[in-house]
Amino acid sequence: MTVFSCCHCAYELTPDLVALPAVPEASADDRDRDRRAGLAPSTVPRGHYNLAPGDGGARGPVVMHPEDAPAPRPLPGGANASGCCGPTGGEGPNRACPCGVRPATLAADCPGPYELRVGPVRSYAFDG
């Protein structure tokens, strides 16, 4: 089990999560979408995470279900959160720790995927 915390203030961003061997493929079937919100299903099931590959062998972001990290909040004024139905996740970190550091990027626009990416520079993992 692993907990992810803010590198600046050590605030626990997640509860204990279990590693997955790979990020599951996102569903492309429109029947799998949330009928009310229009969101694609999360690429990672609740309670789990996966390390996405980084560039040149560097550690990439941690990919998890957005509801597994409720503490990071949207940035003031909706910064880095453009999209149709939610943030695309393509503009960089758009979620802040209570201390103000921006450790995470939420992707929640209607075309998908629906996931939270916690960056390797502004967070750390603790295996308990």
N, C-alpha and C. Protein backbone atom coordinates (compact mmCIF):
# COMPACT_ATOMS: atom_id res chain seq x y z
N MET A 1 0.85 -1.17 0.00
CA MET A 1 0.00 0.00 0.00
C MET A 1 0.89 1.24 0.00
N THR A 2 0.44 2.25 -0.73
CA THR A 2 1.24 3.46 -0.90
C THR A 2 0.38 4.69 -0.69
N VAL A 3 0.93 5.68 0.01
CA VAL A 3 0.29 6.97 0.22
C VAL A 3 1.13 8.01 -0.50
N PHE A 4 0.47 8.93 -1.23
CA PHE A 4 1.18 10.00 -1.92
C PHE A 4 0.96 11.30 -1.16
N SER A 5 2.07 12.04 -0.96
CA SER A 5 2.05 13.26 -0.16
C SER A 5 2.69 14.42 -0.92
N CYS A 6 2.36 15.62 -0.50
CA CYS A 6 2.93 16.84 -1.07
C CYS A 6 4.39 16.98 -0.64
N CYS A 7 5.27 17.26 -1.57
CA CYS A 7 6.70 17.43 -1.25
C CYS A 7 6.97 18.69 -0.42
N HIS A 8 6.10 19.66 -0.51
CA HIS A 8 6.34 20.92 0.20
C HIS A 8 5.93 20.85 1.67
N CYS A 9 4.71 20.32 1.93
CA CYS A 9 4.20 20.36 3.30
C CYS A 9 3.93 18.98 3.90
N ALA A 10 4.14 17.91 3.14
CA ALA A 10 3.94 16.53 3.57
C ALA A 10 2.46 16.17 3.78
N TYR A 11 1.55 17.00 3.32
CA TYR A 11 0.12 16.72 3.41
C TYR A 11 -0.18 15.45 2.62
N GLU A 12 -0.92 14.52 3.20
CA GLU A 12 -1.28 13.29 2.51
C GLU A 12 -2.36 13.59 1.48
N LEU A 13 -2.00 13.41 0.22
CA LEU A 13 -2.92 13.68 -0.88
C LEU A 13 -3.87 12.53 -1.14
N THR A 14 -3.47 11.31 -0.75
CA THR A 14 -4.28 10.12 -1.01
C THR A 14 -4.34 9.23 0.22
N PRO A 15 -5.31 8.34 0.26
CA PRO A 15 -5.27 7.26 1.25
C PRO A 15 -4.32 6.19 0.72
N ASP A 16 -4.23 5.05 1.40
CA ASP A 16 -3.42 3.93 0.90
C ASP A 16 -3.97 3.46 -0.44
N LEU A 17 -3.10 3.35 -1.42
CA LEU A 17 -3.47 2.87 -2.75
C LEU A 17 -2.62 1.66 -3.11
N VAL A 18 -3.14 0.81 -3.98
CA VAL A 18 -2.46 -0.39 -4.43
C VAL A 18 -1.97 -0.19 -5.86
N ALA A 19 -0.73 -0.57 -6.12
CA ALA A 19 -0.15 -0.43 -7.46
C ALA A 19 -0.78 -1.41 -8.44
N LEU A 20 -0.99 -0.94 -9.67
CA LEU A 20 -1.41 -1.78 -10.78
C LEU A 20 -0.20 -2.04 -11.66
N PRO A 21 -0.12 -3.18 -12.34
CA PRO A 21 1.02 -3.45 -13.21
C PRO A 21 1.06 -2.55 -14.44
N ALA A 22 -0.09 -2.02 -14.86
CA ALA A 22 -0.16 -1.14 -16.03
C ALA A 22 -1.43 -0.31 -15.94
N VAL A 23 -1.44 0.83 -16.63
CA VAL A 23 -2.65 1.64 -16.70
C VAL A 23 -3.61 0.94 -17.66
N PRO A 24 -4.81 0.61 -17.22
CA PRO A 24 -5.76 -0.04 -18.12
C PRO A 24 -6.13 0.87 -19.29
N GLU A 25 -6.50 0.27 -20.39
CA GLU A 25 -6.95 1.03 -21.55
C GLU A 25 -8.27 1.72 -21.21
N ALA A 26 -8.39 2.98 -21.62
CA ALA A 26 -9.64 3.70 -21.40
C ALA A 26 -10.69 3.17 -22.36
N SER A 27 -11.90 3.07 -21.89
CA SER A 27 -13.00 2.59 -22.72
C SER A 27 -13.36 3.65 -23.77
N ALA A 28 -13.52 3.22 -25.00
CA ALA A 28 -13.94 4.12 -26.07
C ALA A 28 -15.42 3.96 -26.37
N ASP A 29 -16.10 3.08 -25.64
CA ASP A 29 -17.51 2.81 -25.86
C ASP A 29 -18.36 3.87 -25.15
N ASP A 30 -19.15 4.60 -25.89
CA ASP A 30 -19.98 5.65 -25.31
C ASP A 30 -20.99 5.12 -24.29
N ARG A 31 -21.32 3.83 -24.36
CA ARG A 31 -22.25 3.25 -23.39
C ARG A 31 -21.64 3.16 -22.00
N ASP A 32 -20.30 3.26 -21.89
CA ASP A 32 -19.63 3.19 -20.59
C ASP A 32 -19.56 4.54 -19.89
N ARG A 33 -19.98 5.60 -20.57
CA ARG A 33 -19.92 6.95 -19.99
C ARG A 33 -20.96 7.14 -18.90
N ASP A 34 -20.63 8.00 -17.94
CA ASP A 34 -21.58 8.40 -16.92
C ASP A 34 -22.71 9.15 -17.63
N ARG A 35 -23.91 8.67 -17.53
CA ARG A 35 -25.02 9.27 -18.27
C ARG A 35 -25.35 10.69 -17.83
N ARG A 36 -25.15 11.00 -16.57
CA ARG A 36 -25.44 12.33 -16.05
C ARG A 36 -24.34 13.32 -16.39
N ALA A 37 -23.09 12.96 -16.14
CA ALA A 37 -21.96 13.88 -16.33
C ALA A 37 -21.34 13.80 -17.71
N GLY A 38 -21.56 12.70 -18.42
CA GLY A 38 -20.97 12.54 -19.75
C GLY A 38 -19.51 12.13 -19.71
N LEU A 39 -18.96 11.83 -18.53
CA LEU A 39 -17.55 11.48 -18.40
C LEU A 39 -17.29 10.03 -18.79
N ALA A 40 -16.14 9.82 -19.36
CA ALA A 40 -15.68 8.45 -19.61
C ALA A 40 -15.38 7.81 -18.26
N PRO A 41 -15.41 6.49 -18.18
CA PRO A 41 -15.03 5.87 -16.92
C PRO A 41 -13.56 6.15 -16.61
N SER A 42 -13.22 6.12 -15.35
CA SER A 42 -11.83 6.37 -14.97
C SER A 42 -10.92 5.30 -15.56
N THR A 43 -9.72 5.71 -15.95
CA THR A 43 -8.76 4.76 -16.48
C THR A 43 -8.18 3.87 -15.38
N VAL A 44 -8.27 4.30 -14.14
CA VAL A 44 -7.74 3.53 -13.01
C VAL A 44 -8.88 3.33 -12.00
N PRO A 45 -9.11 2.09 -11.54
CA PRO A 45 -10.18 1.87 -10.57
C PRO A 45 -9.85 2.50 -9.22
N ARG A 46 -10.89 2.80 -8.45
CA ARG A 46 -10.72 3.37 -7.11
C ARG A 46 -9.81 2.47 -6.28
N GLY A 47 -8.94 3.13 -5.50
CA GLY A 47 -8.06 2.40 -4.59
C GLY A 47 -6.76 1.92 -5.22
N HIS A 48 -6.51 2.30 -6.47
CA HIS A 48 -5.32 1.85 -7.20
C HIS A 48 -4.58 3.01 -7.84
N TYR A 49 -3.36 2.74 -8.30
CA TYR A 49 -2.58 3.72 -9.03
C TYR A 49 -1.62 2.99 -9.96
N ASN A 50 -1.05 3.74 -10.88
CA ASN A 50 -0.02 3.20 -11.75
C ASN A 50 0.95 4.31 -12.08
N LEU A 51 2.23 3.97 -12.25
CA LEU A 51 3.23 4.94 -12.67
C LEU A 51 3.25 4.98 -14.18
N ALA A 52 2.93 6.14 -14.74
CA ALA A 52 2.96 6.31 -16.19
C ALA A 52 4.42 6.46 -16.62
N PRO A 53 4.74 6.02 -17.82
CA PRO A 53 6.13 6.19 -18.28
C PRO A 53 6.47 7.66 -18.46
N GLY A 54 7.71 8.01 -18.17
CA GLY A 54 8.19 9.37 -18.36
C GLY A 54 9.06 9.48 -19.59
N ASP A 55 9.57 10.66 -19.84
CA ASP A 55 10.45 10.87 -20.99
C ASP A 55 11.88 10.48 -20.66
N GLY A 56 12.52 9.78 -21.57
CA GLY A 56 13.93 9.43 -21.41
C GLY A 56 14.23 8.60 -20.19
N GLY A 57 13.29 7.78 -19.76
CA GLY A 57 13.52 6.92 -18.61
C GLY A 57 13.21 7.58 -17.27
N ALA A 58 12.86 8.87 -17.27
CA ALA A 58 12.51 9.54 -16.02
C ALA A 58 11.16 9.02 -15.52
N ARG A 59 10.94 9.11 -14.22
CA ARG A 59 9.66 8.69 -13.66
C ARG A 59 8.56 9.62 -14.15
N GLY A 60 7.49 9.06 -14.64
CA GLY A 60 6.35 9.84 -15.10
C GLY A 60 5.39 10.09 -13.96
N PRO A 61 4.24 10.66 -14.28
CA PRO A 61 3.25 10.93 -13.23
C PRO A 61 2.61 9.64 -12.72
N VAL A 62 2.03 9.74 -11.55
CA VAL A 62 1.25 8.67 -10.97
C VAL A 62 -0.18 8.89 -11.45
N VAL A 63 -0.79 7.86 -12.04
CA VAL A 63 -2.15 7.96 -12.55
C VAL A 63 -3.07 7.26 -11.57
N MET A 64 -4.15 7.96 -11.17
CA MET A 64 -5.08 7.39 -10.20
C MET A 64 -6.50 7.86 -10.48
N HIS A 65 -7.45 7.27 -9.79
CA HIS A 65 -8.85 7.69 -9.88
C HIS A 65 -8.96 9.06 -9.21
N PRO A 66 -9.62 10.04 -9.83
CA PRO A 66 -9.71 11.38 -9.23
C PRO A 66 -10.31 11.41 -7.83
N GLU A 67 -11.23 10.51 -7.54
CA GLU A 67 -11.86 10.52 -6.22
C GLU A 67 -10.97 9.94 -5.13
N ASP A 68 -9.80 9.39 -5.50
CA ASP A 68 -8.85 8.90 -4.50
C ASP A 68 -7.94 10.00 -3.97
N ALA A 69 -8.05 11.18 -4.51
CA ALA A 69 -7.24 12.32 -4.03
C ALA A 69 -8.15 13.54 -3.93
N PRO A 70 -9.00 13.58 -2.90
CA PRO A 70 -9.96 14.69 -2.79
C PRO A 70 -9.37 16.01 -2.32
N ALA A 71 -8.19 16.01 -1.72
CA ALA A 71 -7.62 17.24 -1.17
C ALA A 71 -7.21 18.27 -2.23
N PRO A 72 -6.53 17.87 -3.30
CA PRO A 72 -6.15 18.90 -4.28
C PRO A 72 -7.38 19.57 -4.89
N ARG A 73 -7.42 20.87 -4.82
CA ARG A 73 -8.57 21.66 -5.27
C ARG A 73 -8.27 22.40 -6.57
N PRO A 74 -9.31 22.81 -7.30
CA PRO A 74 -9.09 23.59 -8.53
C PRO A 74 -8.31 24.87 -8.23
N LEU A 75 -7.55 25.32 -9.21
CA LEU A 75 -6.80 26.56 -9.06
C LEU A 75 -7.74 27.75 -9.13
N PRO A 76 -7.37 28.85 -8.49
CA PRO A 76 -8.21 30.06 -8.54
C PRO A 76 -8.45 30.51 -9.99
N GLY A 77 -9.67 30.92 -10.26
CA GLY A 77 -10.01 31.43 -11.58
C GLY A 77 -10.05 30.36 -12.65
N GLY A 78 -10.03 29.10 -12.26
CA GLY A 78 -10.08 28.02 -13.24
C GLY A 78 -8.82 27.90 -14.07
N ALA A 79 -7.68 28.34 -13.54
CA ALA A 79 -6.41 28.28 -14.28
C ALA A 79 -6.10 26.85 -14.72
N ASN A 80 -5.59 26.70 -15.94
CA ASN A 80 -5.18 25.42 -16.53
C ASN A 80 -6.34 24.42 -16.59
N ALA A 81 -7.56 24.90 -16.69
CA ALA A 81 -8.70 23.99 -16.64
C ALA A 81 -9.66 24.16 -17.82
N SER A 82 -9.14 24.51 -18.99
CA SER A 82 -10.05 24.68 -20.12
C SER A 82 -10.52 23.33 -20.63
N GLY A 83 -11.71 23.33 -21.16
CA GLY A 83 -12.31 22.13 -21.73
C GLY A 83 -13.80 22.35 -21.88
N CYS A 84 -14.45 21.42 -22.47
CA CYS A 84 -15.88 21.52 -22.72
C CYS A 84 -16.68 21.26 -21.43
N CYS A 85 -16.49 20.08 -20.87
CA CYS A 85 -17.25 19.66 -19.69
C CYS A 85 -16.40 19.57 -18.43
N GLY A 86 -15.12 19.77 -18.58
CA GLY A 86 -14.17 19.69 -17.48
C GLY A 86 -12.79 19.95 -18.04
N PRO A 87 -11.76 19.97 -17.21
CA PRO A 87 -10.41 20.24 -17.71
C PRO A 87 -9.89 19.11 -18.60
N THR A 88 -9.21 19.48 -19.66
CA THR A 88 -8.63 18.46 -20.55
C THR A 88 -7.39 17.82 -19.94
N GLY A 89 -6.71 18.54 -19.06
CA GLY A 89 -5.47 18.04 -18.47
C GLY A 89 -4.26 18.34 -19.31
N GLY A 90 -4.45 19.05 -20.42
CA GLY A 90 -3.35 19.32 -21.32
C GLY A 90 -2.60 20.62 -21.07
N GLU A 91 -3.01 21.37 -20.06
CA GLU A 91 -2.38 22.67 -19.80
C GLU A 91 -1.46 22.68 -18.59
N GLY A 92 -1.19 21.52 -18.04
CA GLY A 92 -0.33 21.45 -16.87
C GLY A 92 -1.13 21.33 -15.60
N PRO A 93 -0.46 21.33 -14.46
CA PRO A 93 -1.14 21.13 -13.18
C PRO A 93 -2.32 22.09 -12.99
N ASN A 94 -3.45 21.52 -12.60
CA ASN A 94 -4.65 22.33 -12.38
C ASN A 94 -5.31 22.05 -11.03
N ARG A 95 -4.57 21.37 -10.15
CA ARG A 95 -5.05 21.09 -8.80
C ARG A 95 -3.97 21.45 -7.80
N ALA A 96 -4.38 22.11 -6.70
CA ALA A 96 -3.43 22.58 -5.69
C ALA A 96 -3.65 21.88 -4.36
N CYS A 97 -2.56 21.62 -3.68
CA CYS A 97 -2.56 21.13 -2.31
C CYS A 97 -3.08 22.27 -1.42
N PRO A 98 -3.60 21.99 -0.23
CA PRO A 98 -4.00 23.07 0.66
C PRO A 98 -2.89 24.09 0.94
N CYS A 99 -1.61 23.70 0.80
CA CYS A 99 -0.50 24.64 1.04
C CYS A 99 -0.24 25.54 -0.17
N GLY A 100 -0.88 25.25 -1.30
CA GLY A 100 -0.72 26.08 -2.50
C GLY A 100 0.13 25.47 -3.60
N VAL A 101 0.90 24.43 -3.30
CA VAL A 101 1.71 23.76 -4.32
C VAL A 101 0.76 23.04 -5.28
N ARG A 102 1.15 23.00 -6.56
CA ARG A 102 0.32 22.38 -7.60
C ARG A 102 0.87 20.99 -7.96
N PRO A 103 0.46 19.95 -7.25
CA PRO A 103 1.03 18.62 -7.49
C PRO A 103 0.29 17.76 -8.51
N ALA A 104 -0.91 18.19 -8.94
CA ALA A 104 -1.73 17.25 -9.71
C ALA A 104 -2.43 17.91 -10.90
N THR A 105 -2.76 17.05 -11.87
CA THR A 105 -3.49 17.47 -13.06
C THR A 105 -4.70 16.57 -13.23
N LEU A 106 -5.88 17.17 -13.21
CA LEU A 106 -7.11 16.44 -13.44
C LEU A 106 -7.46 16.49 -14.92
N ALA A 107 -7.74 15.33 -15.50
CA ALA A 107 -8.28 15.23 -16.85
C ALA A 107 -9.71 14.74 -16.69
N ALA A 108 -10.69 15.59 -17.01
CA ALA A 108 -12.10 15.23 -16.80
C ALA A 108 -13.00 15.84 -17.86
N ASP A 109 -12.49 16.03 -19.06
CA ASP A 109 -13.32 16.57 -20.14
C ASP A 109 -14.12 15.43 -20.76
N CYS A 110 -15.20 15.75 -21.41
CA CYS A 110 -16.10 14.72 -21.94
C CYS A 110 -15.45 13.74 -22.93
N PRO A 111 -14.46 14.14 -23.74
CA PRO A 111 -13.85 13.13 -24.62
C PRO A 111 -13.01 12.10 -23.87
N GLY A 112 -12.66 12.36 -22.61
CA GLY A 112 -11.86 11.41 -21.83
C GLY A 112 -10.39 11.69 -21.99
N PRO A 113 -9.53 11.07 -21.25
CA PRO A 113 -9.80 10.13 -20.18
C PRO A 113 -10.24 10.84 -18.91
N TYR A 114 -10.67 10.08 -17.93
CA TYR A 114 -11.03 10.61 -16.62
C TYR A 114 -10.00 10.06 -15.64
N GLU A 115 -9.04 10.91 -15.24
CA GLU A 115 -7.97 10.45 -14.36
C GLU A 115 -7.30 11.65 -13.70
N LEU A 116 -6.58 11.36 -12.63
CA LEU A 116 -5.78 12.37 -11.96
C LEU A 116 -4.33 11.94 -12.09
N ARG A 117 -3.48 12.85 -12.52
CA ARG A 117 -2.05 12.58 -12.65
C ARG A 117 -1.32 13.41 -11.59
N VAL A 118 -0.64 12.73 -10.69
CA VAL A 118 0.13 13.41 -9.64
C VAL A 118 1.58 13.40 -10.07
N GLY A 119 2.16 14.60 -10.18
CA GLY A 119 3.50 14.75 -10.71
C GLY A 119 4.59 14.22 -9.80
N PRO A 120 5.69 13.73 -10.38
CA PRO A 120 6.78 13.15 -9.60
C PRO A 120 7.65 14.17 -8.89
N VAL A 121 7.60 15.43 -9.29
CA VAL A 121 8.47 16.45 -8.68
C VAL A 121 7.83 17.07 -7.45
N ARG A 122 6.51 17.19 -7.45
CA ARG A 122 5.81 17.87 -6.35
C ARG A 122 5.11 16.92 -5.40
N SER A 123 5.43 15.64 -5.50
CA SER A 123 4.84 14.66 -4.59
C SER A 123 5.86 13.57 -4.30
N TYR A 124 5.60 12.80 -3.26
CA TYR A 124 6.43 11.63 -3.00
C TYR A 124 5.53 10.52 -2.50
N ALA A 125 6.04 9.29 -2.64
CA ALA A 125 5.29 8.11 -2.24
C ALA A 125 5.90 7.52 -0.98
N PHE A 126 5.03 7.04 -0.11
CA PHE A 126 5.47 6.35 1.10
C PHE A 126 4.78 5.01 1.13
N ASP A 127 5.56 3.94 1.11
CA ASP A 127 5.00 2.59 1.20
C ASP A 127 4.92 2.18 2.66
N GLY A 128 3.70 1.89 3.09
CA GLY A 128 3.48 1.57 4.50
C GLY A 128 3.37 0.11 4.75
